[in-house]
PDB file of N, CA and C in Angstrom:
ATOM      1  N   MET A   1      23.100  20.719  -8.697  1.00  0.00           N
ATOM      2  CA  MET A   1      21.996  20.777  -9.764  1.00  0.00           C
ATOM      3  C   MET A   1      20.850  19.679  -9.614  1.00  0.00           C
ATOM      4  N   GLU A   2      19.814  19.969  -9.807  1.00  0.00           N
ATOM      5  CA  GLU A   2      18.434  19.213  -9.708  1.00  0.00           C
ATOM      6  C   GLU A   2      18.318  18.275 -10.664  1.00  0.00           C
ATOM      7  N   LYS A   3      18.017  16.641 -10.378  1.00  0.00           N
ATOM      8  CA  LYS A   3      17.659  15.982 -11.336  1.00  0.00           C
ATOM      9  C   LYS A   3      16.074  15.814 -11.752  1.00  0.00           C
ATOM     10  N   TYR A   4      15.470  15.442 -12.791  1.00  0.00           N
ATOM     11  CA  TYR A   4      13.998  15.336 -12.849  1.00  0.00           C
ATOM     12  C   TYR A   4      13.718  13.765 -13.250  1.00  0.00           C
ATOM     13  N   THR A   5      12.511  13.669 -12.757  1.00  0.00           N
ATOM     14  CA  THR A   5      12.070  12.086 -13.244  1.00  0.00           C
ATOM     15  C   THR A   5      10.670  12.452 -14.138  1.00  0.00           C
ATOM     16  N   THR A   6      10.167  11.205 -14.990  1.00  0.00           N
ATOM     17  CA  THR A   6       8.884  11.609 -15.618  1.00  0.00           C
ATOM     18  C   THR A   6       7.926  10.403 -15.066  1.00  0.00           C
ATOM     19  N   PHE A   7       6.639  10.777 -15.292  1.00  0.00           N
ATOM     20  CA  PHE A   7       5.646   9.802 -14.933  1.00  0.00           C
ATOM     21  C   PHE A   7       4.397   9.988 -16.017  1.00  0.00           C
ATOM     22  N   ILE A   8       3.840   9.005 -15.874  1.00  0.00           N
ATOM     23  CA  ILE A   8       2.466   8.903 -16.525  1.00  0.00           C
ATOM     24  C   ILE A   8       1.209   8.715 -15.652  1.00  0.00           C
ATOM     25  N   ARG A   9      -0.082   9.640 -15.939  1.00  0.00           N
ATOM     26  CA  ARG A   9      -0.936   9.665 -15.243  1.00  0.00           C
ATOM     27  C   ARG A   9      -2.277  10.092 -16.258  1.00  0.00           C
ATOM     28  N   THR A  10      -3.382   9.854 -15.617  1.00  0.00           N
ATOM     29  CA  THR A  10      -4.461  10.295 -16.227  1.00  0.00           C
ATOM     30  C   THR A  10      -5.184  11.556 -15.483  1.00  0.00           C
ATOM     31  N   TRP A  11      -5.984  12.102 -16.095  1.00  0.00           N
ATOM     32  CA  TRP A  11      -6.713  13.549 -15.402  1.00  0.00           C
ATOM     33  C   TRP A  11      -8.232  13.276 -14.985  1.00  0.00           C
ATOM     34  N   TRP A  12      -8.707  11.810 -15.550  1.00  0.00           N
ATOM     35  CA  TRP A  12     -10.372  11.804 -15.538  1.00  0.00           C
ATOM     36  C   TRP A  12     -10.460  10.615 -15.080  1.00  0.00           C
ATOM     37  N   ARG A  13     -11.706  10.091 -14.450  1.00  0.00           N
ATOM     38  CA  ARG A  13     -11.960   8.834 -14.409  1.00  0.00           C
ATOM     39  C   ARG A  13     -13.365   8.737 -14.533  1.00  0.00           C
ATOM     40  N   GLU A  14     -13.963   7.601 -15.205  1.00  0.00           N
ATOM     41  CA  GLU A  14     -15.164   7.034 -15.420  1.00  0.00           C
ATOM     42  C   GLU A  14     -16.006   7.421 -14.262  1.00  0.00           C
ATOM     43  N   ASN A  15     -17.285   8.256 -14.353  1.00  0.00           N
ATOM     44  CA  ASN A  15     -18.188   8.236 -13.305  1.00  0.00           C
ATOM     45  C   ASN A  15     -19.515   8.632 -14.149  1.00  0.00           C
ATOM     46  N   PRO A  16     -20.369   7.452 -14.364  1.00  0.00           N
ATOM     47  CA  PRO A  16     -21.566   7.925 -15.121  1.00  0.00           C
ATOM     48  C   PRO A  16     -22.727   9.127 -14.482  1.00  0.00           C
ATOM     49  N   ALA A  17     -22.405   9.244 -13.089  1.00  0.00           N
ATOM     50  CA  ALA A  17     -23.029  10.567 -12.545  1.00  0.00           C
ATOM     51  C   ALA A  17     -22.744  11.929 -12.936  1.00  0.00           C
ATOM     52  N   TRP A  18     -21.310  12.228 -13.588  1.00  0.00           N
ATOM     53  CA  TRP A  18     -20.874  13.216 -14.166  1.00  0.00           C
ATOM     54  C   TRP A  18     -21.349  13.387 -15.726  1.00  0.00           C
ATOM     55  N   PRO A  19     -21.387  14.905 -16.044  1.00  0.00           N
ATOM     56  CA  PRO A  19     -21.505  15.006 -17.385  1.00  0.00           C
ATOM     57  C   PRO A  19     -20.533  14.345 -18.292  1.00  0.00           C
ATOM     58  N   ARG A  20     -20.939  13.735 -19.392  1.00  0.00           N
ATOM     59  CA  ARG A  20     -20.270  12.957 -20.210  1.00  0.00           C
ATOM     60  C   ARG A  20     -19.665  11.610 -19.707  1.00  0.00           C
ATOM     61  N   GLY A  21     -20.095  11.270 -18.547  1.00  0.00           N
ATOM     62  CA  GLY A  21     -19.442  10.137 -17.724  1.00  0.00           C
ATOM     63  C   GLY A  21     -17.995  10.273 -17.290  1.00  0.00           C
ATOM     64  N   LEU A  22     -17.421  11.585 -17.191  1.00  0.00           N
ATOM     65  CA  LEU A  22     -16.384  11.726 -16.639  1.00  0.00           C
ATOM     66  C   LEU A  22     -16.079  12.772 -15.551  1.00  0.00           C
ATOM     67  N   GLU A  23     -15.287  12.260 -14.517  1.00  0.00           N
ATOM     68  CA  GLU A  23     -15.069  13.113 -13.429  1.00  0.00           C
ATOM     69  C   GLU A  23     -13.607  13.511 -13.314  1.00  0.00           C
ATOM     70  N   PRO A  24     -13.599  14.718 -13.096  1.00  0.00           N
ATOM     71  CA  PRO A  24     -12.013  15.220 -12.965  1.00  0.00           C
ATOM     72  C   PRO A  24     -11.456  14.432 -11.701  1.00  0.00           C
ATOM     73  N   CYS A  25     -10.174  13.987 -12.235  1.00  0.00           N
ATOM     74  CA  CYS A  25      -9.313  13.266 -10.787  1.00  0.00           C
ATOM     75  C   CYS A  25      -7.912  12.941 -11.498  1.00  0.00           C
ATOM     76  N   ALA A  26      -7.052  13.460 -10.795  1.00  0.00           N
ATOM     77  CA  ALA A  26      -5.621  13.377 -11.281  1.00  0.00           C
ATOM     78  C   ALA A  26      -5.269  11.933 -10.580  1.00  0.00           C
ATOM     79  N   GLY A  27      -5.057  11.073 -11.655  1.00  0.00           N
ATOM     80  CA  GLY A  27      -4.624   9.642 -11.285  1.00  0.00           C
ATOM     81  C   GLY A  27      -3.370   9.351 -10.734  1.00  0.00           C
ATOM     82  N   PRO A  28      -3.074   8.279  -9.988  1.00  0.00           N
ATOM     83  CA  PRO A  28      -1.658   7.870  -9.476  1.00  0.00           C
ATOM     84  C   PRO A  28      -0.404   8.245 -10.594  1.00  0.00           C
ATOM     85  N   LYS A  29       0.502   8.487  -9.883  1.00  0.00           N
ATOM     86  CA  LYS A  29       1.877   8.579 -10.765  1.00  0.00           C
ATOM     87  C   LYS A  29       2.296   7.491 -11.038  1.00  0.00           C
ATOM     88  N   LYS A  30       2.591   6.859 -12.342  1.00  0.00           N
ATOM     89  CA  LYS A  30       3.342   5.583 -12.656  1.00  0.00           C
ATOM     90  C   LYS A  30       4.506   6.174 -13.318  1.00  0.00           C
ATOM     91  N   TYR A  31       5.599   5.984 -12.649  1.00  0.00           N
ATOM     92  CA  TYR A  31       6.909   6.563 -12.949  1.00  0.00           C
ATOM     93  C   TYR A  31       7.504   5.643 -14.139  1.00  0.00           C
ATOM     94  N   THR A  32       8.244   6.328 -14.989  1.00  0.00           N
ATOM     95  CA  THR A  32       8.669   5.660 -16.207  1.00  0.00           C
ATOM     96  C   THR A  32       9.998   4.907 -15.670  1.00  0.00           C
ATOM     97  N   GLY A  33      10.556   5.147 -14.609  1.00  0.00           N
ATOM     98  CA  GLY A  33      12.189   4.772 -14.312  1.00  0.00           C
ATOM     99  C   GLY A  33      13.093   5.550 -15.171  1.00  0.00           C
ATOM    100  N   THR A  34      12.662   6.672 -15.741  1.00  0.00           N
ATOM    101  CA  THR A  34      14.158   7.445 -16.376  1.00  0.00           C
ATOM    102  C   THR A  34      14.354   8.733 -15.936  1.00  0.00           C
ATOM    103  N   ASN A  35      15.380   9.068 -15.465  1.00  0.00           N
ATOM    104  CA  ASN A  35      15.749  10.352 -14.869  1.00  0.00           C
ATOM    105  C   ASN A  35      16.559  11.356 -15.851  1.00  0.00           C
ATOM    106  N   TYR A  36      16.312  12.385 -15.688  1.00  0.00           N
ATOM    107  CA  TYR A  36      16.752  13.232 -16.707  1.00  0.00           C
ATOM    108  C   TYR A  36      17.804  14.254 -16.075  1.00  0.00           C
ATOM    109  N   PRO A  37      18.852  14.787 -16.458  1.00  0.00           N
ATOM    110  CA  PRO A  37      19.665  15.739 -15.776  1.00  0.00           C
ATOM    111  C   PRO A  37      19.401  17.270 -15.721  1.00  0.00           C
ATOM    112  N   ASP A  38      18.337  17.427 -16.380  1.00  0.00           N
ATOM    113  CA  ASP A  38      17.945  18.962 -16.366  1.00  0.00           C
ATOM    114  C   ASP A  38      16.596  18.975 -16.934  1.00  0.00           C
ATOM    115  N   GLU A  39      15.988  20.284 -16.521  1.00  0.00           N
ATOM    116  CA  GLU A  39      14.118  20.334 -16.604  1.00  0.00           C
ATOM    117  C   GLU A  39      14.124  20.307 -18.162  1.00  0.00           C
ATOM    118  N   GLN A  40      14.910  20.840 -19.077  1.00  0.00           N
ATOM    119  CA  GLN A  40      14.790  20.956 -20.209  1.00  0.00           C
ATOM    120  C   GLN A  40      14.654  19.690 -21.125  1.00  0.00           C
ATOM    121  N   SER A  41      15.559  18.598 -20.709  1.00  0.00           N
ATOM    122  CA  SER A  41      15.477  17.134 -21.405  1.00  0.00           C
ATOM    123  C   SER A  41      14.262  16.665 -20.661  1.00  0.00           C
ATOM    124  N   ALA A  42      13.849  16.880 -19.601  1.00  0.00           N
ATOM    125  CA  ALA A  42      12.591  16.095 -18.902  1.00  0.00           C
ATOM    126  C   ALA A  42      11.257  16.799 -19.913  1.00  0.00           C
ATOM    127  N   ARG A  43      11.486  17.977 -19.924  1.00  0.00           N
ATOM    128  CA  ARG A  43      10.200  18.362 -20.794  1.00  0.00           C
ATOM    129  C   ARG A  43      10.240  18.166 -21.989  1.00  0.00           C
ATOM    130  N   LEU A  44      11.432  18.015 -22.828  1.00  0.00           N
ATOM    131  CA  LEU A  44      11.505  17.554 -24.051  1.00  0.00           C
ATOM    132  C   LEU A  44      10.753  16.089 -24.282  1.00  0.00           C
ATOM    133  N   ALA A  45      11.220  15.306 -23.433  1.00  0.00           N
ATOM    134  CA  ALA A  45      10.658  14.001 -23.356  1.00  0.00           C
ATOM    135  C   ALA A  45       9.318  13.630 -22.981  1.00  0.00           C
ATOM    136  N   CYS A  46       8.675  14.541 -22.187  1.00  0.00           N
ATOM    137  CA  CYS A  46       7.283  14.681 -22.037  1.00  0.00           C
ATOM    138  C   CYS A  46       6.611  14.989 -23.410  1.00  0.00           C
ATOM    139  N   GLN A  47       7.180  16.213 -23.986  1.00  0.00           N
ATOM    140  CA  GLN A  47       6.647  16.574 -25.185  1.00  0.00           C
ATOM    141  C   GLN A  47       6.592  15.528 -26.388  1.00  0.00           C
ATOM    142  N   GLU A  48       7.389  14.694 -26.432  1.00  0.00           N
ATOM    143  CA  GLU A  48       7.924  13.815 -27.260  1.00  0.00           C
ATOM    144  C   GLU A  48       6.721  12.540 -27.112  1.00  0.00           C
ATOM    145  N   TYR A  49       6.832  12.118 -25.979  1.00  0.00           N
ATOM    146  CA  TYR A  49       5.777  11.016 -25.616  1.00  0.00           C
ATOM    147  C   TYR A  49       4.187  11.704 -25.528  1.00  0.00           C
ATOM    148  N   ASN A  50       3.970  12.648 -25.318  1.00  0.00           N
ATOM    149  CA  ASN A  50       2.441  13.139 -25.542  1.00  0.00           C
ATOM    150  C   ASN A  50       2.107  13.599 -26.981  1.00  0.00           C
ATOM    151  N   ARG A  51       3.291  13.755 -27.981  1.00  0.00           N
ATOM    152  CA  ARG A  51       3.063  13.813 -29.056  1.00  0.00           C
ATOM    153  C   ARG A  51       2.658  12.435 -29.836  1.00  0.00           C
ATOM    154  N   ARG A  52       3.519  11.659 -29.559  1.00  0.00           N
ATOM    155  CA  ARG A  52       3.224  10.135 -30.244  1.00  0.00           C
ATOM    156  C   ARG A  52       2.065   9.230 -29.547  1.00  0.00           C
ATOM    157  N   ASN A  53       1.641   9.700 -28.418  1.00  0.00           N
ATOM    158  CA  ASN A  53       0.689   9.007 -28.038  1.00  0.00           C
ATOM    159  C   ASN A  53      -0.748   9.696 -27.642  1.00  0.00           C
ATOM    160  N   ALA A  54      -1.795   9.265 -28.098  1.00  0.00           N
ATOM    161  CA  ALA A  54      -3.039   9.964 -27.918  1.00  0.00           C
ATOM    162  C   ALA A  54      -3.418   9.820 -26.601  1.00  0.00           C
ATOM    163  N   PRO A  55      -3.989  11.027 -25.966  1.00  0.00           N
ATOM    164  CA  PRO A  55      -4.365  10.783 -24.614  1.00  0.00           C
ATOM    165  C   PRO A  55      -5.280   9.932 -24.289  1.00  0.00           C
ATOM    166  N   GLY A  56      -6.169  10.024 -25.257  1.00  0.00           N
ATOM    167  CA  GLY A  56      -7.502   8.892 -24.805  1.00  0.00           C
ATOM    168  C   GLY A  56      -8.653   9.677 -24.016  1.00  0.00           C
ATOM    169  N   ARG A  57      -9.620   8.958 -23.852  1.00  0.00           N
ATOM    170  CA  ARG A  57     -10.799   9.476 -23.144  1.00  0.00           C
ATOM    171  C   ARG A  57     -10.400   9.978 -21.624  1.00  0.00           C
ATOM    172  N   LEU A  58      -9.567   9.381 -21.223  1.00  0.00           N
ATOM    173  CA  LEU A  58      -8.953   9.722 -19.787  1.00  0.00           C
ATOM    174  C   LEU A  58      -8.038  10.854 -19.340  1.00  0.00           C
ATOM    175  N   SER A  59      -7.517  11.321 -20.687  1.00  0.00           N
ATOM    176  CA  SER A  59      -6.264  12.330 -20.961  1.00  0.00           C
ATOM    177  C   SER A  59      -5.053  11.755 -20.295  1.00  0.00           C
ATOM    178  N   ARG A  60      -4.556  10.619 -20.671  1.00  0.00           N
ATOM    179  CA  ARG A  60      -3.257  10.034 -20.144  1.00  0.00           C
ATOM    180  C   ARG A  60      -2.053  10.588 -20.861  1.00  0.00           C
ATOM    181  N   LYS A  61      -1.291  11.388 -19.857  1.00  0.00           N
ATOM    182  CA  LYS A  61      -0.172  12.205 -20.313  1.00  0.00           C
ATOM    183  C   LYS A  61       0.718  11.990 -19.558  1.00  0.00           C
ATOM    184  N   MET A  62       2.115  12.255 -20.210  1.00  0.00           N
ATOM    185  CA  MET A  62       3.418  12.207 -19.294  1.00  0.00           C
ATOM    186  C   MET A  62       3.721  13.595 -18.888  1.00  0.00           C
ATOM    187  N   GLU A  63       4.171  13.505 -17.599  1.00  0.00           N
ATOM    188  CA  GLU A  63       4.832  14.794 -16.832  1.00  0.00           C
ATOM    189  C   GLU A  63       6.001  14.581 -16.359  1.00  0.00           C
ATOM    190  N   PHE A  64       6.553  15.586 -15.558  1.00  0.00           N
ATOM    191  CA  PHE A  64       8.047  15.194 -14.751  1.00  0.00           C
ATOM    192  C   PHE A  64       7.962  16.051 -13.638  1.00  0.00           C
ATOM    193  N   GLU A  65       8.718  15.821 -12.628  1.00  0.00           N
ATOM    194  CA  GLU A  65       8.885  16.553 -11.394  1.00  0.00           C
ATOM    195  C   GLU A  65      10.342  16.443 -11.091  1.00  0.00           C
ATOM    196  N   ALA A  66      10.837  17.225 -10.170  1.00  0.00           N
ATOM    197  CA  ALA A  66      12.036  16.978  -9.628  1.00  0.00           C
ATOM    198  C   ALA A  66      12.148  16.079  -8.840  1.00  0.00           C
ATOM    199  N   ALA A  67      13.406  15.110  -9.019  1.00  0.00           N
ATOM    200  CA  ALA A  67      13.522  13.690  -8.448  1.00  0.00           C
ATOM    201  C   ALA A  67      14.007  13.840  -6.879  1.00  0.00           C
TER     202      ALA A  67
END
């Protein structure tokens, strides 16, 4: 059975040369240190984090991947 880990990253970076000053850019992954036994529990953790935390200008969100 596969385990899953969560991480947070942004999807934009500041760049005044781009429209609205934002350039598409997947930022580095910052792992949360939490492992989940299945995909469903990792997905629920990400949904909960993203519901409680505004993504802000750079679209900071939690995601998951197989550990």
